[in-house]
Amino acid sequence: MQKTEAVGRPVLIKEGIDFFAPLGFIRNGDFLYGIRSQIKLNVFVAELDAETLTGKGAPQLVSTRFPDWNLDPSWSPNGKHLAYNSRN
């Protein structure tokens, strides 16, 4: 196993995140992740630039069926389907 070291200081990207779930990379290089906070539980998708690892455009809400109660997103291995839990 290769040993790695941190480069630079940590930077806060967004406040209020209680849980961060890396979902992995899909074939086109996009990195997918989920976040959870106590205030609202929603699932969003956004395009990611694979070279700069920055977002392209605004994240899009996946569902409005159960507002603020959609969580635990998971992509299919081919990146074509997204499953998530909803609570009402």
PDB file of N, CA and C in Angstrom:
ATOM      1  N   MET A   1       0.851  -1.176   0.000  1.00  0.00           N
ATOM      2  CA  MET A   1       0.000   0.000   0.000  1.00  0.00           C
ATOM      3  C   MET A   1       0.899   1.241   0.000  1.00  0.00           C
ATOM      4  N   GLN A   2       0.562   2.185  -0.872  1.00  0.00           N
ATOM      5  CA  GLN A   2       1.334   3.416  -0.961  1.00  0.00           C
ATOM      6  C   GLN A   2       0.930   4.370   0.158  1.00  0.00           C
ATOM      7  N   LYS A   3       1.933   4.966   0.794  1.00  0.00           N
ATOM      8  CA  LYS A   3       1.677   5.920   1.866  1.00  0.00           C
ATOM      9  C   LYS A   3       1.506   7.311   1.253  1.00  0.00           C
ATOM     10  N   THR A   4       0.476   8.036   1.699  1.00  0.00           N
ATOM     11  CA  THR A   4       0.232   9.377   1.182  1.00  0.00           C
ATOM     12  C   THR A   4       0.176  10.371   2.335  1.00  0.00           C
ATOM     13  N   GLU A   5       0.399  11.622   2.012  1.00  0.00           N
ATOM     14  CA  GLU A   5       0.336  12.693   3.003  1.00  0.00           C
ATOM     15  C   GLU A   5      -0.566  13.802   2.495  1.00  0.00           C
ATOM     16  N   ALA A   6      -1.196  14.490   3.422  1.00  0.00           N
ATOM     17  CA  ALA A   6      -2.050  15.621   3.061  1.00  0.00           C
ATOM     18  C   ALA A   6      -1.203  16.746   2.488  1.00  0.00           C
ATOM     19  N   VAL A   7      -1.783  17.469   1.546  1.00  0.00           N
ATOM     20  CA  VAL A   7      -1.121  18.621   0.945  1.00  0.00           C
ATOM     21  C   VAL A   7      -1.969  19.842   1.267  1.00  0.00           C
ATOM     22  N   GLY A   8      -1.438  20.787   2.003  1.00  0.00           N
ATOM     23  CA  GLY A   8      -2.175  21.993   2.357  1.00  0.00           C
ATOM     24  C   GLY A   8      -3.100  21.777   3.533  1.00  0.00           C
ATOM     25  N   ARG A   9      -3.808  22.836   3.887  1.00  0.00           N
ATOM     26  CA  ARG A   9      -4.735  22.796   5.021  1.00  0.00           C
ATOM     27  C   ARG A   9      -6.141  22.427   4.550  1.00  0.00           C
ATOM     28  N   PRO A  10      -6.940  21.791   5.407  1.00  0.00           N
ATOM     29  CA  PRO A  10      -8.328  21.497   5.042  1.00  0.00           C
ATOM     30  C   PRO A  10      -9.117  22.790   4.809  1.00  0.00           C
ATOM     31  N   VAL A  11     -10.091  22.723   3.904  1.00  0.00           N
ATOM     32  CA  VAL A  11     -10.920  23.882   3.586  1.00  0.00           C
ATOM     33  C   VAL A  11     -12.386  23.472   3.720  1.00  0.00           C
ATOM     34  N   LEU A  12     -13.161  24.260   4.473  1.00  0.00           N
ATOM     35  CA  LEU A  12     -14.594  24.010   4.606  1.00  0.00           C
ATOM     36  C   LEU A  12     -15.283  24.360   3.297  1.00  0.00           C
ATOM     37  N   ILE A  13     -15.969  23.404   2.708  1.00  0.00           N
ATOM     38  CA  ILE A  13     -16.657  23.628   1.445  1.00  0.00           C
ATOM     39  C   ILE A  13     -18.082  24.084   1.676  1.00  0.00           C
ATOM     40  N   LYS A  14     -18.764  23.470   2.655  1.00  0.00           N
ATOM     41  CA  LYS A  14     -20.150  23.821   2.929  1.00  0.00           C
ATOM     42  C   LYS A  14     -20.450  23.535   4.392  1.00  0.00           C
ATOM     43  N   GLU A  15     -21.137  24.471   5.058  1.00  0.00           N
ATOM     44  CA  GLU A  15     -21.521  24.291   6.454  1.00  0.00           C
ATOM     45  C   GLU A  15     -22.803  23.475   6.561  1.00  0.00           C
ATOM     46  N   GLY A  16     -23.011  22.853   7.706  1.00  0.00           N
ATOM     47  CA  GLY A  16     -24.266  22.183   7.991  1.00  0.00           C
ATOM     48  C   GLY A  16     -24.391  20.776   7.453  1.00  0.00           C
ATOM     49  N   ILE A  17     -23.307  20.180   7.000  1.00  0.00           N
ATOM     50  CA  ILE A  17     -23.353  18.809   6.506  1.00  0.00           C
ATOM     51  C   ILE A  17     -23.026  17.876   7.665  1.00  0.00           C
ATOM     52  N   ASP A  18     -23.972  17.004   7.976  1.00  0.00           N
ATOM     53  CA  ASP A  18     -23.757  16.055   9.061  1.00  0.00           C
ATOM     54  C   ASP A  18     -23.148  14.752   8.569  1.00  0.00           C
ATOM     55  N   PHE A  19     -23.336  14.445   7.293  1.00  0.00           N
ATOM     56  CA  PHE A  19     -22.886  13.169   6.761  1.00  0.00           C
ATOM     57  C   PHE A  19     -22.521  13.347   5.296  1.00  0.00           C
ATOM     58  N   PHE A  20     -21.369  12.826   4.904  1.00  0.00           N
ATOM     59  CA  PHE A  20     -20.902  12.861   3.522  1.00  0.00           C
ATOM     60  C   PHE A  20     -20.673  11.422   3.083  1.00  0.00           C
ATOM     61  N   ALA A  21     -21.290  11.016   1.989  1.00  0.00           N
ATOM     62  CA  ALA A  21     -21.153   9.639   1.506  1.00  0.00           C
ATOM     63  C   ALA A  21     -20.583   9.628   0.097  1.00  0.00           C
ATOM     64  N   PRO A  22     -19.295   9.313  -0.063  1.00  0.00           N
ATOM     65  CA  PRO A  22     -18.764   9.177  -1.416  1.00  0.00           C
ATOM     66  C   PRO A  22     -19.386   7.977  -2.101  1.00  0.00           C
ATOM     67  N   LEU A  23     -19.918   8.178  -3.310  1.00  0.00           N
ATOM     68  CA  LEU A  23     -20.563   7.097  -4.050  1.00  0.00           C
ATOM     69  C   LEU A  23     -19.662   6.537  -5.132  1.00  0.00           C
ATOM     70  N   GLY A  24     -18.578   7.253  -5.459  1.00  0.00           N
ATOM     71  CA  GLY A  24     -17.604   6.748  -6.422  1.00  0.00           C
ATOM     72  C   GLY A  24     -17.650   7.468  -7.752  1.00  0.00           C
ATOM     73  N   PHE A  25     -16.815   6.987  -8.660  1.00  0.00           N
ATOM     74  CA  PHE A  25     -16.704   7.540 -10.000  1.00  0.00           C
ATOM     75  C   PHE A  25     -17.519   6.691 -10.967  1.00  0.00           C
ATOM     76  N   ILE A  26     -18.087   7.332 -11.989  1.00  0.00           N
ATOM     77  CA  ILE A  26     -18.746   6.590 -13.048  1.00  0.00           C
ATOM     78  C   ILE A  26     -17.871   6.661 -14.292  1.00  0.00           C
ATOM     79  N   ARG A  27     -18.237   5.939 -15.322  1.00  0.00           N
ATOM     80  CA  ARG A  27     -17.361   5.759 -16.486  1.00  0.00           C
ATOM     81  C   ARG A  27     -16.893   7.046 -17.147  1.00  0.00           C
ATOM     82  N   ASN A  28     -17.711   8.088 -17.133  1.00  0.00           N
ATOM     83  CA  ASN A  28     -17.292   9.336 -17.788  1.00  0.00           C
ATOM     84  C   ASN A  28     -16.390  10.185 -16.901  1.00  0.00           C
ATOM     85  N   GLY A  29     -16.059   9.690 -15.698  1.00  0.00           N
ATOM     86  CA  GLY A  29     -15.148  10.398 -14.806  1.00  0.00           C
ATOM     87  C   GLY A  29     -15.828  11.245 -13.748  1.00  0.00           C
ATOM     88  N   ASP A  30     -17.155  11.363 -13.791  1.00  0.00           N
ATOM     89  CA  ASP A  30     -17.857  12.150 -12.774  1.00  0.00           C
ATOM     90  C   ASP A  30     -17.747  11.462 -11.417  1.00  0.00           C
ATOM     91  N   PHE A  31     -17.522  12.247 -10.365  1.00  0.00           N
ATOM     92  CA  PHE A  31     -17.492  11.740  -8.993  1.00  0.00           C
ATOM     93  C   PHE A  31     -18.837  12.034  -8.357  1.00  0.00           C
ATOM     94  N   LEU A  32     -19.456  11.033  -7.786  1.00  0.00           N
ATOM     95  CA  LEU A  32     -20.785  11.174  -7.211  1.00  0.00           C
ATOM     96  C   LEU A  32     -20.694  11.067  -5.695  1.00  0.00           C
ATOM     97  N   TYR A  33     -21.487  11.876  -5.011  1.00  0.00           N
ATOM     98  CA  TYR A  33     -21.502  11.833  -3.552  1.00  0.00           C
ATOM     99  C   TYR A  33     -22.860  12.253  -3.030  1.00  0.00           C
ATOM    100  N   GLY A  34     -23.123  11.891  -1.800  1.00  0.00           N
ATOM    101  CA  GLY A  34     -24.354  12.289  -1.137  1.00  0.00           C
ATOM    102  C   GLY A  34     -24.021  13.030   0.141  1.00  0.00           C
ATOM    103  N   ILE A  35     -24.901  13.931   0.543  1.00  0.00           N
ATOM    104  CA  ILE A  35     -24.726  14.640   1.813  1.00  0.00           C
ATOM    105  C   ILE A  35     -26.037  14.558   2.585  1.00  0.00           C
ATOM    106  N   ARG A  36     -25.931  14.688   3.896  1.00  0.00           N
ATOM    107  CA  ARG A  36     -27.115  14.648   4.738  1.00  0.00           C
ATOM    108  C   ARG A  36     -26.976  15.724   5.812  1.00  0.00           C
ATOM    109  N   SER A  37     -28.059  16.414   6.085  1.00  0.00           N
ATOM    110  CA  SER A  37     -28.096  17.395   7.158  1.00  0.00           C
ATOM    111  C   SER A  37     -29.373  17.183   7.955  1.00  0.00           C
ATOM    112  N   GLN A  38     -29.458  17.772   9.132  1.00  0.00           N
ATOM    113  CA  GLN A  38     -30.631  17.593   9.972  1.00  0.00           C
ATOM    114  C   GLN A  38     -31.824  18.415   9.487  1.00  0.00           C
ATOM    115  N   ILE A  39     -31.582  19.435   8.699  1.00  0.00           N
ATOM    116  CA  ILE A  39     -32.658  20.332   8.309  1.00  0.00           C
ATOM    117  C   ILE A  39     -33.512  19.732   7.188  1.00  0.00           C
ATOM    118  N   LYS A  40     -32.887  19.331   6.108  1.00  0.00           N
ATOM    119  CA  LYS A  40     -33.615  18.799   4.959  1.00  0.00           C
ATOM    120  C   LYS A  40     -32.850  17.616   4.391  1.00  0.00           C
ATOM    121  N   LEU A  41     -33.578  16.649   3.885  1.00  0.00           N
ATOM    122  CA  LEU A  41     -32.981  15.471   3.262  1.00  0.00           C
ATOM    123  C   LEU A  41     -33.442  15.419   1.823  1.00  0.00           C
ATOM    124  N   ASN A  42     -32.597  15.859   0.908  1.00  0.00           N
ATOM    125  CA  ASN A  42     -32.929  15.873  -0.508  1.00  0.00           C
ATOM    126  C   ASN A  42     -31.795  15.257  -1.309  1.00  0.00           C
ATOM    127  N   VAL A  43     -32.118  14.774  -2.471  1.00  0.00           N
ATOM    128  CA  VAL A  43     -31.130  14.186  -3.372  1.00  0.00           C
ATOM    129  C   VAL A  43     -31.002  15.099  -4.588  1.00  0.00           C
ATOM    130  N   PHE A  44     -29.776  15.473  -4.902  1.00  0.00           N
ATOM    131  CA  PHE A  44     -29.484  16.320  -6.055  1.00  0.00           C
ATOM    132  C   PHE A  44     -28.476  15.607  -6.944  1.00  0.00           C
ATOM    133  N   VAL A  45     -28.461  15.960  -8.209  1.00  0.00           N
ATOM    134  CA  VAL A  45     -27.417  15.525  -9.128  1.00  0.00           C
ATOM    135  C   VAL A  45     -26.815  16.781  -9.763  1.00  0.00           C
ATOM    136  N   ALA A  46     -25.527  16.701 -10.053  1.00  0.00           N
ATOM    137  CA  ALA A  46     -24.846  17.814 -10.699  1.00  0.00           C
ATOM    138  C   ALA A  46     -23.710  17.266 -11.548  1.00  0.00           C
ATOM    139  N   GLU A  47     -23.385  17.969 -12.592  1.00  0.00           N
ATOM    140  CA  GLU A  47     -22.274  17.575 -13.449  1.00  0.00           C
ATOM    141  C   GLU A  47     -20.972  18.059 -12.822  1.00  0.00           C
ATOM    142  N   LEU A  48     -19.941  17.231 -12.918  1.00  0.00           N
ATOM    143  CA  LEU A  48     -18.643  17.542 -12.342  1.00  0.00           C
ATOM    144  C   LEU A  48     -17.590  17.504 -13.432  1.00  0.00           C
ATOM    145  N   ASP A  49     -16.733  18.522 -13.467  1.00  0.00           N
ATOM    146  CA  ASP A  49     -15.615  18.541 -14.402  1.00  0.00           C
ATOM    147  C   ASP A  49     -14.556  17.574 -13.879  1.00  0.00           C
ATOM    148  N   ALA A  50     -14.277  16.520 -14.617  1.00  0.00           N
ATOM    149  CA  ALA A  50     -13.353  15.478 -14.166  1.00  0.00           C
ATOM    150  C   ALA A  50     -11.922  15.981 -14.023  1.00  0.00           C
ATOM    151  N   GLU A  51     -11.534  16.989 -14.769  1.00  0.00           N
ATOM    152  CA  GLU A  51     -10.163  17.502 -14.678  1.00  0.00           C
ATOM    153  C   GLU A  51      -9.965  18.430 -13.492  1.00  0.00           C
ATOM    154  N   THR A  52     -10.907  19.323 -13.243  1.00  0.00           N
ATOM    155  CA  THR A  52     -10.748  20.307 -12.166  1.00  0.00           C
ATOM    156  C   THR A  52     -11.484  19.916 -10.893  1.00  0.00           C
ATOM    157  N   LEU A  53     -12.330  18.875 -10.972  1.00  0.00           N
ATOM    158  CA  LEU A  53     -13.150  18.433  -9.840  1.00  0.00           C
ATOM    159  C   LEU A  53     -14.016  19.557  -9.290  1.00  0.00           C
ATOM    160  N   THR A  54     -14.519  20.390 -10.197  1.00  0.00           N
ATOM    161  CA  THR A  54     -15.445  21.452  -9.813  1.00  0.00           C
ATOM    162  C   THR A  54     -16.786  21.222 -10.514  1.00  0.00           C
ATOM    163  N   GLY A  55     -17.836  21.723  -9.890  1.00  0.00           N
ATOM    164  CA  GLY A  55     -19.171  21.553 -10.444  1.00  0.00           C
ATOM    165  C   GLY A  55     -19.392  22.395 -11.674  1.00  0.00           C
ATOM    166  N   LYS A  56     -20.196  21.872 -12.591  1.00  0.00           N
ATOM    167  CA  LYS A  56     -20.610  22.599 -13.794  1.00  0.00           C
ATOM    168  C   LYS A  56     -22.100  22.866 -13.657  1.00  0.00           C
ATOM    169  N   GLY A  57     -22.486  24.103 -13.461  1.00  0.00           N
ATOM    170  CA  GLY A  57     -23.897  24.431 -13.323  1.00  0.00           C
ATOM    171  C   GLY A  57     -24.422  24.123 -11.939  1.00  0.00           C
ATOM    172  N   ALA A  58     -25.699  24.392 -11.760  1.00  0.00           N
ATOM    173  CA  ALA A  58     -26.332  24.216 -10.456  1.00  0.00           C
ATOM    174  C   ALA A  58     -26.807  22.772 -10.270  1.00  0.00           C
ATOM    175  N   PRO A  59     -26.727  22.243  -9.046  1.00  0.00           N
ATOM    176  CA  PRO A  59     -27.286  20.917  -8.768  1.00  0.00           C
ATOM    177  C   PRO A  59     -28.788  20.902  -9.030  1.00  0.00           C
ATOM    178  N   GLN A  60     -29.296  19.773  -9.497  1.00  0.00           N
ATOM    179  CA  GLN A  60     -30.715  19.625  -9.811  1.00  0.00           C
ATOM    180  C   GLN A  60     -31.378  18.672  -8.816  1.00  0.00           C
ATOM    181  N   LEU A  61     -32.498  19.079  -8.247  1.00  0.00           N
ATOM    182  CA  LEU A  61     -33.260  18.260  -7.321  1.00  0.00           C
ATOM    183  C   LEU A  61     -33.812  17.036  -8.064  1.00  0.00           C
ATOM    184  N   VAL A  62     -33.632  15.842  -7.504  1.00  0.00           N
ATOM    185  CA  VAL A  62     -34.049  14.614  -8.167  1.00  0.00           C
ATOM    186  C   VAL A  62     -35.559  14.396  -8.084  1.00  0.00           C
ATOM    187  N   SER A  63     -36.164  14.666  -6.925  1.00  0.00           N
ATOM    188  CA  SER A  63     -37.593  14.400  -6.761  1.00  0.00           C
ATOM    189  C   SER A  63     -38.253  15.437  -5.873  1.00  0.00           C
ATOM    190  N   THR A  64     -39.511  15.744  -6.175  1.00  0.00           N
ATOM    191  CA  THR A  64     -40.303  16.633  -5.322  1.00  0.00           C
ATOM    192  C   THR A  64     -41.455  15.873  -4.663  1.00  0.00           C
ATOM    193  N   ARG A  65     -41.460  14.546  -4.794  1.00  0.00           N
ATOM    194  CA  ARG A  65     -42.575  13.746  -4.282  1.00  0.00           C
ATOM    195  C   ARG A  65     -42.698  13.814  -2.760  1.00  0.00           C
ATOM    196  N   PHE A  66     -41.614  13.640  -2.030  1.00  0.00           N
ATOM    197  CA  PHE A  66     -41.604  13.764  -0.574  1.00  0.00           C
ATOM    198  C   PHE A  66     -40.590  14.847  -0.208  1.00  0.00           C
ATOM    199  N   PRO A  67     -40.974  16.114  -0.292  1.00  0.00           N
ATOM    200  CA  PRO A  67     -40.011  17.193  -0.057  1.00  0.00           C
ATOM    201  C   PRO A  67     -39.279  17.047   1.268  1.00  0.00           C
ATOM    202  N   ASP A  68     -37.972  17.198   1.206  1.00  0.00           N
ATOM    203  CA  ASP A  68     -37.077  17.183   2.370  1.00  0.00           C
ATOM    204  C   ASP A  68     -36.973  15.828   3.057  1.00  0.00           C
ATOM    205  N   TRP A  69     -37.434  14.751   2.424  1.00  0.00           N
ATOM    206  CA  TRP A  69     -37.340  13.412   3.015  1.00  0.00           C
ATOM    207  C   TRP A  69     -36.832  12.374   2.025  1.00  0.00           C
ATOM    208  N   ASN A  70     -35.941  12.743   1.140  1.00  0.00           N
ATOM    209  CA  ASN A  70     -35.326  11.815   0.190  1.00  0.00           C
ATOM    210  C   ASN A  70     -33.844  11.712   0.532  1.00  0.00           C
ATOM    211  N   LEU A  71     -33.343  10.488   0.657  1.00  0.00           N
ATOM    212  CA  LEU A  71     -31.973  10.310   1.136  1.00  0.00           C
ATOM    213  C   LEU A  71     -31.363   9.016   0.623  1.00  0.00           C
ATOM    214  N   ASP A  72     -30.104   8.807   0.960  1.00  0.00           N
ATOM    215  CA  ASP A  72     -29.334   7.593   0.654  1.00  0.00           C
ATOM    216  C   ASP A  72     -29.267   7.270  -0.836  1.00  0.00           C
ATOM    217  N   PRO A  73     -28.838   8.210  -1.682  1.00  0.00           N
ATOM    218  CA  PRO A  73     -28.766   7.918  -3.111  1.00  0.00           C
ATOM    219  C   PRO A  73     -27.661   6.904  -3.428  1.00  0.00           C
ATOM    220  N   SER A  74     -27.893   6.116  -4.463  1.00  0.00           N
ATOM    221  CA  SER A  74     -26.901   5.150  -4.928  1.00  0.00           C
ATOM    222  C   SER A  74     -27.077   4.948  -6.432  1.00  0.00           C
ATOM    223  N   TRP A  75     -25.984   5.107  -7.183  1.00  0.00           N
ATOM    224  CA  TRP A  75     -26.022   4.929  -8.630  1.00  0.00           C
ATOM    225  C   TRP A  75     -25.823   3.464  -8.991  1.00  0.00           C
ATOM    226  N   SER A  76     -26.440   3.048 -10.080  1.00  0.00           N
ATOM    227  CA  SER A  76     -26.185   1.712 -10.624  1.00  0.00           C
ATOM    228  C   SER A  76     -24.752   1.677 -11.139  1.00  0.00           C
ATOM    229  N   PRO A  77     -24.143   0.489 -11.265  1.00  0.00           N
ATOM    230  CA  PRO A  77     -22.752   0.404 -11.729  1.00  0.00           C
ATOM    231  C   PRO A  77     -22.485   1.095 -13.064  1.00  0.00           C
ATOM    232  N   ASN A  78     -23.479   1.128 -13.963  1.00  0.00           N
ATOM    233  CA  ASN A  78     -23.260   1.786 -15.259  1.00  0.00           C
ATOM    234  C   ASN A  78     -23.572   3.280 -15.223  1.00  0.00           C
ATOM    235  N   GLY A  79     -24.021   3.801 -14.063  1.00  0.00           N
ATOM    236  CA  GLY A  79     -24.291   5.227 -13.929  1.00  0.00           C
ATOM    237  C   GLY A  79     -25.568   5.698 -14.605  1.00  0.00           C
ATOM    238  N   LYS A  80     -26.435   4.776 -15.034  1.00  0.00           N
ATOM    239  CA  LYS A  80     -27.652   5.174 -15.742  1.00  0.00           C
ATOM    240  C   LYS A  80     -28.874   5.309 -14.843  1.00  0.00           C
ATOM    241  N   HIS A  81     -28.850   4.669 -13.669  1.00  0.00           N
ATOM    242  CA  HIS A  81     -30.009   4.664 -12.788  1.00  0.00           C
ATOM    243  C   HIS A  81     -29.609   5.106 -11.390  1.00  0.00           C
ATOM    244  N   LEU A  82     -30.486   5.867 -10.747  1.00  0.00           N
ATOM    245  CA  LEU A  82     -30.247   6.355  -9.393  1.00  0.00           C
ATOM    246  C   LEU A  82     -31.373   5.854  -8.494  1.00  0.00           C
ATOM    247  N   ALA A  83     -31.004   5.190  -7.409  1.00  0.00           N
ATOM    248  CA  ALA A  83     -31.991   4.746  -6.418  1.00  0.00           C
ATOM    249  C   ALA A  83     -31.804   5.591  -5.164  1.00  0.00           C
ATOM    250  N   TYR A  84     -32.887   5.835  -4.434  1.00  0.00           N
ATOM    251  CA  TYR A  84     -32.808   6.576  -3.187  1.00  0.00           C
ATOM    252  C   TYR A  84     -34.018   6.206  -2.324  1.00  0.00           C
ATOM    253  N   ASN A  85     -33.893   6.456  -1.036  1.00  0.00           N
ATOM    254  CA  ASN A  85     -34.989   6.194  -0.102  1.00  0.00           C
ATOM    255  C   ASN A  85     -35.819   7.454   0.083  1.00  0.00           C
ATOM    256  N   SER A  86     -37.128   7.274   0.239  1.00  0.00           N
ATOM    257  CA  SER A  86     -38.026   8.386   0.533  1.00  0.00           C
ATOM    258  C   SER A  86     -38.807   8.058   1.801  1.00  0.00           C
ATOM    259  N   ARG A  87     -38.998   9.068   2.611  1.00  0.00           N
ATOM    260  CA  ARG A  87     -39.798   8.921   3.834  1.00  0.00           C
ATOM    261  C   ARG A  87     -40.868   9.984   3.820  1.00  0.00           C
ATOM    262  N   ASN A  88     -42.032   9.688   4.345  1.00  0.00           N
ATOM    263  CA  ASN A  88     -43.075  10.712   4.425  1.00  0.00           C
ATOM    264  C   ASN A  88     -43.597  10.831   5.834  1.00  0.00           C
TER     265      ASN A  88
END
